[in-house]
C-alpha atoms as a PDB file:
ATOM      1  CA  MET A   1      28.296 -21.915  -8.472  1.00  0.00           C
ATOM      2  CA  LYS A   2      27.590 -18.418 -10.201  1.00  0.00           C
ATOM      3  CA  THR A   3      25.140 -16.079  -9.687  1.00  0.00           C
ATOM      4  CA  GLU A   4      24.293 -16.302 -13.541  1.00  0.00           C
ATOM      5  CA  GLU A   5      23.554 -19.806 -12.278  1.00  0.00           C
ATOM      6  CA  LEU A   6      21.138 -18.408 -10.031  1.00  0.00           C
ATOM      7  CA  LEU A   7      19.267 -16.251 -12.339  1.00  0.00           C
ATOM      8  CA  LYS A   8      18.871 -19.000 -15.151  1.00  0.00           C
ATOM      9  CA  LEU A   9      17.167 -21.504 -12.638  1.00  0.00           C
ATOM     10  CA  LEU A  10      15.116 -18.596 -11.291  1.00  0.00           C
ATOM     11  CA  SER A  11      13.968 -17.320 -14.981  1.00  0.00           C
ATOM     12  CA  GLU A  12      12.996 -21.154 -15.409  1.00  0.00           C
ATOM     13  CA  GLU A  13      10.792 -21.252 -12.228  1.00  0.00           C
ATOM     14  CA  TYR A  14       9.085 -17.933 -13.631  1.00  0.00           C
ATOM     15  CA  PRO A  15       8.900 -18.429 -16.742  1.00  0.00           C
ATOM     16  CA  SER A  16       7.080 -16.388 -19.332  1.00  0.00           C
ATOM     17  CA  PRO A  17       3.945 -15.660 -20.363  1.00  0.00           C
ATOM     18  CA  ASN A  18       2.732 -16.668 -16.743  1.00  0.00           C
ATOM     19  CA  TRP A  19       5.603 -14.244 -15.340  1.00  0.00           C
ATOM     20  CA  ALA A  20       7.996 -11.100 -16.306  1.00  0.00           C
ATOM     21  CA  PHE A  21      11.119 -11.879 -15.268  1.00  0.00           C
ATOM     22  CA  ILE A  22      14.067  -9.461 -15.010  1.00  0.00           C
ATOM     23  CA  PRO A  23      17.206  -9.857 -13.443  1.00  0.00           C
ATOM     24  CA  GLU A  24      19.514  -6.955 -12.241  1.00  0.00           C
ATOM     25  CA  PHE A  25      17.096  -4.218 -11.771  1.00  0.00           C
ATOM     26  CA  ARG A  26      17.812  -1.091 -10.736  1.00  0.00           C
ATOM     27  CA  GLY A  27      15.025   0.773  -8.342  1.00  0.00           C
ATOM     28  CA  GLY A  28      15.100   4.056 -10.527  1.00  0.00           C
ATOM     29  CA  THR A  29      16.718   5.782 -13.196  1.00  0.00           C
ATOM     30  CA  GLY A  30      19.220   9.136 -12.563  1.00  0.00           C
ATOM     31  CA  TYR A  31      21.209   9.190  -9.495  1.00  0.00           C
ATOM     32  CA  ALA A  32      17.804   9.308  -7.083  1.00  0.00           C
ATOM     33  CA  ARG A  33      17.518   5.776  -6.568  1.00  0.00           C
ATOM     34  CA  GLU A  34      20.619   3.123  -7.249  1.00  0.00           C
ATOM     35  CA  THR A  35      20.059   0.449  -5.055  1.00  0.00           C
ATOM     36  CA  ARG A  36      19.310  -2.671  -7.295  1.00  0.00           C
ATOM     37  CA  ALA A  37      17.677  -6.244  -6.999  1.00  0.00           C
ATOM     38  CA  ASP A  38      19.440  -9.179  -8.445  1.00  0.00           C
ATOM     39  CA  ALA A  39      15.877 -10.169  -9.924  1.00  0.00           C
ATOM     40  CA  LEU A  40      12.292  -8.995 -10.110  1.00  0.00           C
ATOM     41  CA  ALA A  41       9.281 -11.770 -10.981  1.00  0.00           C
ATOM     42  CA  MET A  42       5.776  -9.892 -11.640  1.00  0.00           C
ATOM     43  CA  HIS A  43       2.768 -12.544 -12.073  1.00  0.00           C
ATOM     44  CA  CYS A  44       0.881 -11.662 -15.135  1.00  0.00           C
ATOM     45  CA  TRP A  45      -2.837 -12.686 -14.240  1.00  0.00           C
ATOM     46  CA  PRO A  46      -5.103 -11.231 -12.136  1.00  0.00           C
ATOM     47  CA  SER A  47      -6.634 -14.193 -10.966  1.00  0.00           C
ATOM     48  CA  ARG A  48      -3.134 -15.196  -9.571  1.00  0.00           C
ATOM     49  CA  GLY A  49      -2.928 -12.056  -7.675  1.00  0.00           C
ATOM     50  CA  LEU A  50      -0.387 -10.128  -9.837  1.00  0.00           C
ATOM     51  CA  GLU A  51       2.200 -10.479  -7.262  1.00  0.00           C
ATOM     52  CA  LEU A  52       5.778  -8.597  -7.383  1.00  0.00           C
ATOM     53  CA  ILE A  53       8.226 -10.475  -6.189  1.00  0.00           C
ATOM     54  CA  GLY A  54      12.104  -9.139  -5.070  1.00  0.00           C
ATOM     55  CA  PHE A  55      15.076 -11.872  -5.045  1.00  0.00           C
ATOM     56  CA  GLU A  56      18.434 -11.222  -3.358  1.00  0.00           C
ATOM     57  CA  LEU A  57      21.265 -13.356  -4.640  1.00  0.00           C
ATOM     58  CA  LYS A  58      24.187 -15.146  -2.630  1.00  0.00           C
ATOM     59  CA  VAL A  59      26.796 -17.528  -3.732  1.00  0.00           C
ATOM     60  CA  SER A  60      29.275 -17.167  -0.723  1.00  0.00           C
ATOM     61  CA  ARG A  61      29.009 -16.983   3.446  1.00  0.00           C
ATOM     62  CA  SER A  62      31.036 -13.807   3.230  1.00  0.00           C
ATOM     63  CA  ASP A  63      28.456 -11.944   0.656  1.00  0.00           C
ATOM     64  CA  TRP A  64      25.923 -12.988   3.123  1.00  0.00           C
ATOM     65  CA  ILE A  65      27.669 -11.449   6.293  1.00  0.00           C
ATOM     66  CA  HIS A  66      28.333  -8.228   4.171  1.00  0.00           C
ATOM     67  CA  GLU A  67      24.581  -8.083   3.442  1.00  0.00           C
ATOM     68  CA  MET A  68      23.701  -8.588   7.135  1.00  0.00           C
ATOM     69  CA  LYS A  69      25.860  -5.597   8.011  1.00  0.00           C
ATOM     70  CA  ASN A  70      23.512  -3.542   5.726  1.00  0.00           C
ATOM     71  CA  LYS A  71      20.261  -4.514   6.332  1.00  0.00           C
ATOM     72  CA  GLY A  72      18.601  -1.904   4.828  1.00  0.00           C
ATOM     73  CA  LYS A  73      19.841  -1.888   1.423  1.00  0.00           C
ATOM     74  CA  ALA A  74      16.835  -4.039  -0.352  1.00  0.00           C
ATOM     75  CA  GLU A  75      14.804  -1.817   1.259  1.00  0.00           C
ATOM     76  CA  PRO A  76      14.544   1.006  -1.344  1.00  0.00           C
ATOM     77  CA  ILE A  77      13.198  -1.507  -3.939  1.00  0.00           C
ATOM     78  CA  LYS A  78      11.673  -4.150  -1.357  1.00  0.00           C
ATOM     79  CA  GLN A  79       9.036  -1.547  -0.312  1.00  0.00           C
ATOM     80  CA  PHE A  80       7.343  -2.289  -4.038  1.00  0.00           C
ATOM     81  CA  CYS A  81       7.490  -5.570  -3.428  1.00  0.00           C
ATOM     82  CA  ASP A  82       4.795  -8.424  -2.214  1.00  0.00           C
ATOM     83  CA  ARG A  83       7.129 -11.214  -1.381  1.00  0.00           C
ATOM     84  CA  TRP A  84      10.498 -10.741  -0.987  1.00  0.00           C
ATOM     85  CA  TYR A  85      13.342 -14.008  -1.124  1.00  0.00           C
ATOM     86  CA  LEU A  86      16.892 -14.505  -0.073  1.00  0.00           C
ATOM     87  CA  VAL A  87      18.148 -17.082  -2.837  1.00  0.00           C
ATOM     88  CA  THR A  88      21.749 -19.168  -2.168  1.00  0.00           C
ATOM     89  CA  ALA A  89      23.437 -21.357  -4.284  1.00  0.00           C
ATOM     90  CA  ASN A  90      23.309 -24.191  -0.908  1.00  0.00           C
ATOM     91  CA  SER A  91      21.698 -24.301   2.647  1.00  0.00           C
ATOM     92  CA  LYS A  92      25.308 -23.318   4.445  1.00  0.00           C
ATOM     93  CA  ILE A  93      25.812 -20.057   3.179  1.00  0.00           C
ATOM     94  CA  VAL A  94      22.482 -18.683   5.829  1.00  0.00           C
ATOM     95  CA  LYS A  95      22.011 -19.949   9.453  1.00  0.00           C
ATOM     96  CA  TYR A  96      18.310 -19.507   8.647  1.00  0.00           C
ATOM     97  CA  ALA A  97      17.136 -20.103  12.135  1.00  0.00           C
ATOM     98  CA  GLU A  98      19.185 -16.956  13.307  1.00  0.00           C
ATOM     99  CA  GLU A  99      19.856 -14.920  10.500  1.00  0.00           C
ATOM    100  CA  MET A 100      17.251 -14.058   8.177  1.00  0.00           C
ATOM    101  CA  PRO A 101      15.369 -11.352   8.275  1.00  0.00           C
ATOM    102  CA  HIS A 102      11.217 -11.883   9.510  1.00  0.00           C
ATOM    103  CA  ASP A 103       9.828 -10.429   6.203  1.00  0.00           C
ATOM    104  CA  TRP A 104      12.027 -12.320   4.185  1.00  0.00           C
ATOM    105  CA  GLY A 105      11.722 -15.634   2.519  1.00  0.00           C
ATOM    106  CA  LEU A 106      14.354 -18.524   1.720  1.00  0.00           C
ATOM    107  CA  MET A 107      15.658 -20.547  -1.174  1.00  0.00           C
ATOM    108  CA  PHE A 108      18.357 -22.611  -1.899  1.00  0.00           C
ATOM    109  CA  VAL A 109      19.652 -25.030  -4.548  1.00  0.00           C
ATOM    110  CA  GLU A 110      19.694 -28.595  -4.433  1.00  0.00           C
ATOM    111  CA  ASN A 111      20.797 -30.955  -6.466  1.00  0.00           C
ATOM    112  CA  GLY A 112      20.460 -28.261  -9.174  1.00  0.00           C
ATOM    113  CA  LYS A 113      16.892 -27.214  -7.961  1.00  0.00           C
ATOM    114  CA  LEU A 114      15.740 -24.321  -6.135  1.00  0.00           C
ATOM    115  CA  ILE A 115      14.402 -25.531  -2.750  1.00  0.00           C
ATOM    116  CA  THR A 116      12.187 -23.274  -0.761  1.00  0.00           C
ATOM    117  CA  MET A 117      12.931 -23.294   2.862  1.00  0.00           C
ATOM    118  CA  ILE A 118      11.372 -20.666   3.993  1.00  0.00           C
ATOM    119  CA  GLU A 119       8.286 -19.181   1.992  1.00  0.00           C
ATOM    120  CA  ALA A 120       7.968 -15.372   1.890  1.00  0.00           C
ATOM    121  CA  PRO A 121       5.554 -13.922   3.867  1.00  0.00           C
ATOM    122  CA  LYS A 122       3.013 -11.170   2.433  1.00  0.00           C
ATOM    123  CA  LEU A 123       4.165  -7.807   2.406  1.00  0.00           C
ATOM    124  CA  THR A 124       2.301  -4.744   2.185  1.00  0.00           C
ATOM    125  CA  PRO A 125       4.041  -3.141  -0.593  1.00  0.00           C
ATOM    126  CA  ARG A 126       3.514   0.960  -1.501  1.00  0.00           C
ATOM    127  CA  PRO A 127       2.198   1.592  -4.869  1.00  0.00           C
ATOM    128  CA  ILE A 128       5.162   2.282  -7.685  1.00  0.00           C
ATOM    129  CA  ASP A 129       6.534   5.143  -7.771  1.00  0.00           C
ATOM    130  CA  ARG A 130       7.572   6.661 -11.155  1.00  0.00           C
ATOM    131  CA  LEU A 131      11.181   6.428 -10.516  1.00  0.00           C
ATOM    132  CA  PHE A 132      10.631   2.387  -9.791  1.00  0.00           C
ATOM    133  CA  LEU A 133       8.476   2.589 -13.081  1.00  0.00           C
ATOM    134  CA  ALA A 134      10.964   4.235 -15.278  1.00  0.00           C
ATOM    135  CA  SER A 135      13.716   2.261 -14.558  1.00  0.00           C
ATOM    136  CA  LEU A 136      11.530  -0.969 -15.189  1.00  0.00           C
ATOM    137  CA  MET A 137      10.146   0.068 -18.554  1.00  0.00           C
ATOM    138  CA  ARG A 138      14.008   1.111 -19.572  1.00  0.00           C
ATOM    139  CA  ARG A 139      14.557  -2.474 -18.740  1.00  0.00           C
ATOM    140  CA  ALA A 140      12.279  -4.153 -20.272  1.00  0.00           C
ATOM    141  CA  SER A 141      12.625  -2.615 -23.182  1.00  0.00           C
ATOM    142  CA  LYS A 142      15.963  -4.101 -23.306  1.00  0.00           C
ATOM    143  CA  GLN A 143      14.755  -7.649 -23.715  1.00  0.00           C
ATOM    144  CA  ASP A 144      17.467  -8.634 -25.913  1.00  0.00           C
ATOM    145  CA  VAL A 145      19.695  -7.974 -22.851  1.00  0.00           C
ATOM    146  CA  ILE A 146      17.551  -9.721 -20.260  1.00  0.00           C
ATOM    147  CA  ILE A 147      17.390 -13.054 -22.553  1.00  0.00           C
ATOM    148  CA  GLN A 148      21.075 -13.003 -22.348  1.00  0.00           C
ATOM    149  CA  SER A 149      22.110 -12.530 -18.935  1.00  0.00           C
ATOM    150  CA  VAL A 150      19.717 -15.377 -18.169  1.00  0.00           C
ATOM    151  CA  ASN A 151      20.640 -17.839 -20.759  1.00  0.00           C
END
């Protein structure tokens, strides 16, 4: 399974108009914050909490092991999110009992469908700053690129 296939499954799990789904999100513009999230989804209705969810995607065990060596890599974007998930191509990529960060959820693909193994706990997000907002606006203004990347 490729990252693009995981993105497609996520985009189907978080569909418009209830959700805004943005793949391959960079945490800021310029060189001030170059970290990335593989995807973000935000629920667009106040009655559902307007939650912003971040996703880190892994398609291989070696990719996950590399991620664990740099545990703070997700933090520059995760700090603004209400929840954070690891999404893997299958259940064997991560040994969830001993490897999962305590504040991440876990989803994996089984029989072509996303399964939530560990529900992501509610985080206490920081208010979104201008770097994050500028990157979000830039990415949202390129909707044709976003649509093509998940189709």
